[in-house]
Amino acid sequence: MNKRTHMLGAVIFAILGYAVWHFLRRLFFIPPDPSLLSALSSILSMEVKLFFIMILSSIFGGSLPDILDPPFSRHHRAFAHSRILFYILIVIWMITLFTLLSDPSLIIWILYFFLLGYISHLALDSRTPAGLQ
C-alpha cells in the first residue's frame, strides 16, 4: 500500500470510529433514536476542533508504522507491522472507546483516533501479499 492509501484508510476508519462511538453513546446513555442517520448527522455537526483532531490524529497514526519500519529497509515488516501489536492495539482501542463513553476528554479523543489510524494501517497491510509478521 502507498502513503495516500494509508492516509485515506486512516480517515475512513476515524469516521467509522466516530460513528461507532456515537451509536454506542446513544444506545447506552440516550436511548431514543440510536440510528445510523443520527450518527451521520452528528458527524456533520461535529465541532471543528474535534474534526481536526480526528483528521490529524488518525493520519499520524496511519503513517507511524511506516516511520517506525521504513518500507524500503530490510526490517520493514518488524514489530510495528506485527499481528501481536495489531491485537494489542484493538484491545487498547476498545478500552479507549468505553472510556470515551463516560469521559469524552480531549486527550482520550486524540488517543482514540490515533489508535484507529494505526489499526487502519495494519488492517490495510494485512490485505497485501506480504501481510503482517
N, C-alpha and C. Protein backbone atom coordinates (compact mmCIF):
# COMPACT_ATOMS: atom_id res chain seq x y z
N MET A 1 0.85 -1.18 0.00
CA MET A 1 0.00 0.00 0.00
C MET A 1 0.90 1.24 0.00
N ASN A 2 0.40 2.30 -0.64
CA ASN A 2 1.17 3.53 -0.63
C ASN A 2 0.68 4.48 0.46
N LYS A 3 1.40 5.57 0.62
CA LYS A 3 1.12 6.51 1.70
C LYS A 3 -0.30 7.11 1.58
N ARG A 4 -0.70 7.43 0.38
CA ARG A 4 -2.02 8.02 0.16
C ARG A 4 -3.14 7.06 0.56
N THR A 5 -2.99 5.80 0.25
CA THR A 5 -3.97 4.79 0.62
C THR A 5 -4.08 4.67 2.13
N HIS A 6 -2.94 4.69 2.80
CA HIS A 6 -2.95 4.60 4.26
C HIS A 6 -3.59 5.84 4.90
N MET A 7 -3.35 7.00 4.33
CA MET A 7 -3.95 8.23 4.87
C MET A 7 -5.47 8.21 4.69
N LEU A 8 -5.92 7.80 3.51
CA LEU A 8 -7.35 7.71 3.25
C LEU A 8 -7.99 6.65 4.14
N GLY A 9 -7.35 5.50 4.30
CA GLY A 9 -7.86 4.46 5.18
C GLY A 9 -7.96 4.93 6.61
N ALA A 10 -6.98 5.71 7.07
CA ALA A 10 -7.00 6.24 8.43
C ALA A 10 -8.18 7.18 8.65
N VAL A 11 -8.45 8.03 7.68
CA VAL A 11 -9.58 8.97 7.80
C VAL A 11 -10.90 8.21 7.77
N ILE A 12 -11.02 7.22 6.91
CA ILE A 12 -12.25 6.43 6.84
C ILE A 12 -12.47 5.67 8.14
N PHE A 13 -11.42 5.06 8.69
CA PHE A 13 -11.55 4.37 9.98
C PHE A 13 -11.94 5.35 11.07
N ALA A 14 -11.39 6.57 11.04
CA ALA A 14 -11.72 7.57 12.06
C ALA A 14 -13.19 7.96 11.98
N ILE A 15 -13.70 8.16 10.78
CA ILE A 15 -15.12 8.50 10.61
C ILE A 15 -16.00 7.35 11.09
N LEU A 16 -15.64 6.13 10.72
CA LEU A 16 -16.40 4.97 11.19
C LEU A 16 -16.29 4.82 12.71
N GLY A 17 -15.12 5.09 13.26
CA GLY A 17 -14.93 5.03 14.70
C GLY A 17 -15.77 6.07 15.43
N TYR A 18 -15.90 7.25 14.85
CA TYR A 18 -16.75 8.27 15.46
C TYR A 18 -18.22 7.83 15.41
N ALA A 19 -18.61 7.22 14.30
CA ALA A 19 -19.98 6.73 14.19
C ALA A 19 -20.25 5.62 15.21
N VAL A 20 -19.27 4.73 15.43
CA VAL A 20 -19.42 3.67 16.43
C VAL A 20 -19.57 4.29 17.82
N TRP A 21 -18.70 5.26 18.14
CA TRP A 21 -18.79 5.93 19.44
C TRP A 21 -20.17 6.58 19.62
N HIS A 22 -20.62 7.27 18.60
CA HIS A 22 -21.91 7.96 18.68
C HIS A 22 -23.05 6.96 18.86
N PHE A 23 -23.02 5.87 18.10
CA PHE A 23 -24.06 4.86 18.19
C PHE A 23 -24.10 4.25 19.59
N LEU A 24 -22.94 3.87 20.12
CA LEU A 24 -22.90 3.29 21.47
C LEU A 24 -23.31 4.29 22.53
N ARG A 25 -22.91 5.54 22.37
CA ARG A 25 -23.30 6.57 23.32
C ARG A 25 -24.81 6.73 23.35
N ARG A 26 -25.39 6.77 22.18
CA ARG A 26 -26.85 6.89 22.09
C ARG A 26 -27.53 5.64 22.63
N LEU A 27 -26.95 4.50 22.37
CA LEU A 27 -27.54 3.24 22.81
C LEU A 27 -27.51 3.10 24.33
N PHE A 28 -26.39 3.48 24.96
CA PHE A 28 -26.24 3.30 26.40
C PHE A 28 -26.76 4.45 27.24
N PHE A 29 -26.67 5.68 26.75
CA PHE A 29 -26.97 6.83 27.60
C PHE A 29 -28.22 7.60 27.20
N ILE A 30 -28.50 7.66 25.93
CA ILE A 30 -29.68 8.39 25.46
C ILE A 30 -30.47 7.44 24.58
N PRO A 31 -31.35 6.61 25.16
CA PRO A 31 -31.97 5.52 24.41
C PRO A 31 -32.72 5.88 23.12
N PRO A 32 -33.44 6.98 23.02
CA PRO A 32 -34.19 7.15 21.78
C PRO A 32 -33.28 7.41 20.57
N ASP A 33 -33.65 6.80 19.48
CA ASP A 33 -33.05 7.02 18.18
C ASP A 33 -31.55 6.72 18.08
N PRO A 34 -31.09 5.50 18.33
CA PRO A 34 -29.69 5.17 18.08
C PRO A 34 -29.49 4.72 16.63
N SER A 35 -29.92 5.55 15.70
CA SER A 35 -29.92 5.13 14.29
C SER A 35 -28.67 5.60 13.57
N LEU A 36 -28.47 5.04 12.39
CA LEU A 36 -27.35 5.44 11.55
C LEU A 36 -27.51 6.89 11.11
N LEU A 37 -28.74 7.31 10.84
CA LEU A 37 -28.98 8.69 10.42
C LEU A 37 -28.57 9.68 11.50
N SER A 38 -28.85 9.36 12.78
CA SER A 38 -28.45 10.27 13.85
C SER A 38 -26.93 10.31 13.97
N ALA A 39 -26.25 9.19 13.72
CA ALA A 39 -24.79 9.18 13.76
C ALA A 39 -24.22 10.03 12.63
N LEU A 40 -24.80 9.94 11.43
CA LEU A 40 -24.33 10.74 10.31
C LEU A 40 -24.57 12.23 10.54
N SER A 41 -25.72 12.58 11.11
CA SER A 41 -25.97 13.99 11.40
C SER A 41 -25.02 14.50 12.47
N SER A 42 -24.63 13.64 13.41
CA SER A 42 -23.67 14.03 14.43
C SER A 42 -22.30 14.28 13.82
N ILE A 43 -21.91 13.45 12.87
CA ILE A 43 -20.63 13.65 12.20
C ILE A 43 -20.63 14.98 11.46
N LEU A 44 -21.74 15.31 10.81
CA LEU A 44 -21.81 16.56 10.07
C LEU A 44 -21.84 17.78 10.98
N SER A 45 -22.32 17.62 12.22
CA SER A 45 -22.37 18.75 13.15
C SER A 45 -21.24 18.69 14.17
N MET A 46 -20.21 17.91 13.90
CA MET A 46 -19.08 17.76 14.81
C MET A 46 -18.38 19.10 15.01
N GLU A 47 -17.86 19.32 16.21
CA GLU A 47 -17.09 20.52 16.47
C GLU A 47 -15.90 20.58 15.53
N VAL A 48 -15.53 21.79 15.13
CA VAL A 48 -14.40 21.96 14.21
C VAL A 48 -13.12 21.45 14.87
N LYS A 49 -12.94 21.73 16.16
CA LYS A 49 -11.74 21.28 16.87
C LYS A 49 -11.66 19.75 16.86
N LEU A 50 -12.76 19.08 17.14
CA LEU A 50 -12.78 17.63 17.15
C LEU A 50 -12.54 17.06 15.75
N PHE A 51 -13.06 17.74 14.73
CA PHE A 51 -12.85 17.31 13.36
C PHE A 51 -11.36 17.32 13.02
N PHE A 52 -10.66 18.41 13.36
CA PHE A 52 -9.24 18.49 13.06
C PHE A 52 -8.44 17.50 13.89
N ILE A 53 -8.85 17.27 15.13
CA ILE A 53 -8.19 16.24 15.95
C ILE A 53 -8.38 14.88 15.31
N MET A 54 -9.58 14.61 14.82
CA MET A 54 -9.87 13.33 14.18
C MET A 54 -8.97 13.14 12.96
N ILE A 55 -8.89 14.12 12.10
CA ILE A 55 -8.11 14.00 10.87
C ILE A 55 -6.62 13.88 11.17
N LEU A 56 -6.09 14.81 11.98
CA LEU A 56 -4.65 14.83 12.22
C LEU A 56 -4.18 13.61 13.02
N SER A 57 -4.92 13.25 14.05
CA SER A 57 -4.51 12.09 14.86
C SER A 57 -4.56 10.80 14.06
N SER A 58 -5.61 10.62 13.28
CA SER A 58 -5.73 9.38 12.51
C SER A 58 -4.68 9.32 11.39
N ILE A 59 -4.40 10.43 10.76
CA ILE A 59 -3.37 10.42 9.71
C ILE A 59 -1.99 10.14 10.31
N PHE A 60 -1.71 10.74 11.47
CA PHE A 60 -0.43 10.46 12.13
C PHE A 60 -0.35 8.98 12.52
N GLY A 61 -1.43 8.46 13.10
CA GLY A 61 -1.44 7.04 13.47
C GLY A 61 -1.32 6.13 12.26
N GLY A 62 -1.92 6.53 11.15
CA GLY A 62 -1.84 5.73 9.93
C GLY A 62 -0.48 5.79 9.26
N SER A 63 0.30 6.84 9.55
CA SER A 63 1.63 6.98 8.95
C SER A 63 2.74 6.43 9.83
N LEU A 64 2.49 6.32 11.13
CA LEU A 64 3.54 5.94 12.08
C LEU A 64 4.17 4.57 11.82
N PRO A 65 3.43 3.53 11.45
CA PRO A 65 4.09 2.23 11.22
C PRO A 65 5.19 2.29 10.15
N ASP A 66 4.98 3.08 9.09
CA ASP A 66 6.00 3.18 8.05
C ASP A 66 7.13 4.11 8.46
N ILE A 67 6.91 4.95 9.46
CA ILE A 67 8.00 5.75 10.01
C ILE A 67 8.88 4.86 10.89
N LEU A 68 8.24 4.00 11.68
CA LEU A 68 8.98 3.11 12.57
C LEU A 68 9.69 1.98 11.82
N ASP A 69 9.02 1.43 10.83
CA ASP A 69 9.59 0.38 9.97
C ASP A 69 9.55 0.89 8.53
N PRO A 70 10.58 1.62 8.08
CA PRO A 70 10.53 2.20 6.73
C PRO A 70 10.31 1.14 5.65
N PRO A 71 9.51 1.46 4.64
CA PRO A 71 9.15 0.47 3.62
C PRO A 71 10.32 -0.13 2.84
N PHE A 72 11.38 0.63 2.66
CA PHE A 72 12.45 0.12 1.81
C PHE A 72 13.66 -0.37 2.61
N SER A 73 13.46 -0.62 3.88
CA SER A 73 14.54 -1.18 4.68
C SER A 73 14.37 -2.70 4.76
N ARG A 74 15.39 -3.40 5.21
CA ARG A 74 15.28 -4.86 5.31
C ARG A 74 14.45 -5.28 6.52
N HIS A 75 14.13 -4.34 7.41
CA HIS A 75 13.32 -4.62 8.59
C HIS A 75 11.91 -4.05 8.45
N HIS A 76 11.39 -3.95 7.22
CA HIS A 76 10.11 -3.27 7.03
C HIS A 76 8.96 -3.92 7.79
N ARG A 77 8.85 -5.19 7.78
CA ARG A 77 7.73 -5.85 8.47
C ARG A 77 8.15 -6.34 9.85
N ALA A 78 8.67 -5.43 10.65
CA ALA A 78 9.11 -5.79 12.00
C ALA A 78 7.95 -5.56 12.99
N PHE A 79 8.27 -5.22 14.23
CA PHE A 79 7.25 -5.15 15.28
C PHE A 79 6.14 -4.14 14.99
N ALA A 80 6.47 -3.03 14.34
CA ALA A 80 5.45 -2.01 14.04
C ALA A 80 4.41 -2.53 13.05
N HIS A 81 4.70 -3.63 12.38
CA HIS A 81 3.77 -4.25 11.44
C HIS A 81 3.43 -5.68 11.87
N SER A 82 3.33 -5.93 13.14
CA SER A 82 3.10 -7.30 13.60
C SER A 82 1.65 -7.55 13.99
N ARG A 83 1.26 -8.81 13.91
CA ARG A 83 -0.10 -9.21 14.29
C ARG A 83 -0.33 -8.99 15.79
N ILE A 84 0.68 -9.30 16.59
CA ILE A 84 0.51 -9.17 18.03
C ILE A 84 0.24 -7.71 18.40
N LEU A 85 0.95 -6.77 17.76
CA LEU A 85 0.70 -5.35 18.00
C LEU A 85 -0.70 -4.97 17.53
N PHE A 86 -1.13 -5.53 16.42
CA PHE A 86 -2.48 -5.29 15.90
C PHE A 86 -3.54 -5.66 16.94
N TYR A 87 -3.40 -6.85 17.53
CA TYR A 87 -4.38 -7.30 18.53
C TYR A 87 -4.29 -6.48 19.81
N ILE A 88 -3.09 -6.12 20.22
CA ILE A 88 -2.93 -5.27 21.41
C ILE A 88 -3.60 -3.92 21.19
N LEU A 89 -3.40 -3.34 20.02
CA LEU A 89 -4.00 -2.03 19.72
C LEU A 89 -5.52 -2.10 19.67
N ILE A 90 -6.07 -3.19 19.17
CA ILE A 90 -7.52 -3.33 19.15
C ILE A 90 -8.07 -3.37 20.58
N VAL A 91 -7.40 -4.08 21.46
CA VAL A 91 -7.84 -4.12 22.86
C VAL A 91 -7.74 -2.74 23.50
N ILE A 92 -6.64 -2.04 23.26
CA ILE A 92 -6.49 -0.68 23.81
C ILE A 92 -7.54 0.24 23.22
N TRP A 93 -7.82 0.09 21.92
CA TRP A 93 -8.85 0.92 21.29
C TRP A 93 -10.22 0.68 21.93
N MET A 94 -10.54 -0.57 22.20
CA MET A 94 -11.84 -0.87 22.83
C MET A 94 -11.92 -0.27 24.23
N ILE A 95 -10.84 -0.34 24.97
CA ILE A 95 -10.81 0.29 26.30
C ILE A 95 -10.99 1.80 26.16
N THR A 96 -10.32 2.38 25.19
CA THR A 96 -10.45 3.82 24.94
C THR A 96 -11.87 4.18 24.54
N LEU A 97 -12.50 3.35 23.73
CA LEU A 97 -13.88 3.59 23.31
C LEU A 97 -14.81 3.65 24.52
N PHE A 98 -14.70 2.68 25.41
CA PHE A 98 -15.58 2.68 26.58
C PHE A 98 -15.21 3.77 27.57
N THR A 99 -13.96 4.20 27.59
CA THR A 99 -13.57 5.36 28.40
C THR A 99 -14.20 6.63 27.83
N LEU A 100 -14.23 6.73 26.52
CA LEU A 100 -14.84 7.90 25.87
C LEU A 100 -16.34 8.00 26.15
N LEU A 101 -16.99 6.88 26.33
CA LEU A 101 -18.42 6.91 26.61
C LEU A 101 -18.72 7.61 27.92
N SER A 102 -17.81 7.51 28.89
CA SER A 102 -18.06 8.14 30.18
C SER A 102 -17.29 9.45 30.36
N ASP A 103 -16.16 9.61 29.67
CA ASP A 103 -15.34 10.81 29.83
C ASP A 103 -14.76 11.25 28.49
N PRO A 104 -15.51 12.04 27.71
CA PRO A 104 -15.01 12.44 26.40
C PRO A 104 -14.02 13.61 26.48
N SER A 105 -12.86 13.38 27.12
CA SER A 105 -11.87 14.44 27.21
C SER A 105 -11.02 14.48 25.94
N LEU A 106 -10.32 15.58 25.76
CA LEU A 106 -9.58 15.83 24.53
C LEU A 106 -8.45 14.81 24.34
N ILE A 107 -7.72 14.50 25.39
CA ILE A 107 -6.61 13.57 25.26
C ILE A 107 -7.10 12.16 24.91
N ILE A 108 -8.25 11.78 25.40
CA ILE A 108 -8.81 10.46 25.06
C ILE A 108 -9.23 10.45 23.59
N TRP A 109 -9.81 11.55 23.10
CA TRP A 109 -10.16 11.64 21.68
C TRP A 109 -8.92 11.49 20.81
N ILE A 110 -7.84 12.18 21.19
CA ILE A 110 -6.60 12.10 20.41
C ILE A 110 -6.10 10.66 20.36
N LEU A 111 -6.06 10.01 21.51
CA LEU A 111 -5.62 8.61 21.56
C LEU A 111 -6.55 7.70 20.75
N TYR A 112 -7.85 7.92 20.87
CA TYR A 112 -8.85 7.12 20.16
C TYR A 112 -8.61 7.17 18.64
N PHE A 113 -8.48 8.37 18.10
CA PHE A 113 -8.31 8.50 16.66
C PHE A 113 -6.92 8.06 16.21
N PHE A 114 -5.89 8.28 17.04
CA PHE A 114 -4.56 7.80 16.72
C PHE A 114 -4.56 6.28 16.59
N LEU A 115 -5.20 5.62 17.55
CA LEU A 115 -5.27 4.15 17.52
C LEU A 115 -6.03 3.67 16.28
N LEU A 116 -7.10 4.35 15.93
CA LEU A 116 -7.84 3.96 14.72
C LEU A 116 -6.97 4.11 13.47
N GLY A 117 -6.17 5.17 13.41
CA GLY A 117 -5.27 5.35 12.27
C GLY A 117 -4.24 4.24 12.18
N TYR A 118 -3.65 3.90 13.32
CA TYR A 118 -2.64 2.85 13.35
C TYR A 118 -3.26 1.50 12.98
N ILE A 119 -4.42 1.22 13.56
CA ILE A 119 -5.12 -0.04 13.26
C ILE A 119 -5.48 -0.11 11.79
N SER A 120 -5.89 1.03 11.21
CA SER A 120 -6.23 1.02 9.78
C SER A 120 -5.01 0.67 8.94
N HIS A 121 -3.85 1.19 9.31
CA HIS A 121 -2.64 0.88 8.56
C HIS A 121 -2.35 -0.62 8.60
N LEU A 122 -2.42 -1.19 9.79
CA LEU A 122 -2.16 -2.63 9.92
C LEU A 122 -3.23 -3.47 9.21
N ALA A 123 -4.48 -3.03 9.28
CA ALA A 123 -5.55 -3.76 8.60
C ALA A 123 -5.35 -3.73 7.08
N LEU A 124 -4.97 -2.57 6.56
CA LEU A 124 -4.73 -2.48 5.11
C LEU A 124 -3.51 -3.30 4.71
N ASP A 125 -2.45 -3.24 5.50
CA ASP A 125 -1.26 -4.03 5.17
C ASP A 125 -1.51 -5.53 5.29
N SER A 126 -2.42 -5.91 6.14
CA SER A 126 -2.70 -7.35 6.27
C SER A 126 -3.36 -7.90 5.01
N ARG A 127 -3.91 -7.05 4.19
CA ARG A 127 -4.57 -7.48 2.96
C ARG A 127 -3.60 -7.55 1.78
N THR A 128 -2.33 -7.18 1.98
CA THR A 128 -1.35 -7.25 0.91
C THR A 128 -0.70 -8.64 0.90
N PRO A 129 -0.01 -9.01 -0.19
CA PRO A 129 0.64 -10.32 -0.23
C PRO A 129 1.68 -10.51 0.90
N ALA A 130 2.37 -9.45 1.30
CA ALA A 130 3.37 -9.58 2.36
C ALA A 130 2.70 -9.77 3.74
N GLY A 131 1.53 -9.20 3.89
CA GLY A 131 0.78 -9.36 5.15
C GLY A 131 1.48 -8.75 6.33
N LEU A 132 1.13 -9.22 7.52
CA LEU A 132 1.76 -8.78 8.75
C LEU A 132 2.66 -9.89 9.26
N GLN A 133 3.62 -9.54 10.09
CA GLN A 133 4.54 -10.54 10.64
C GLN A 133 3.98 -11.12 11.90
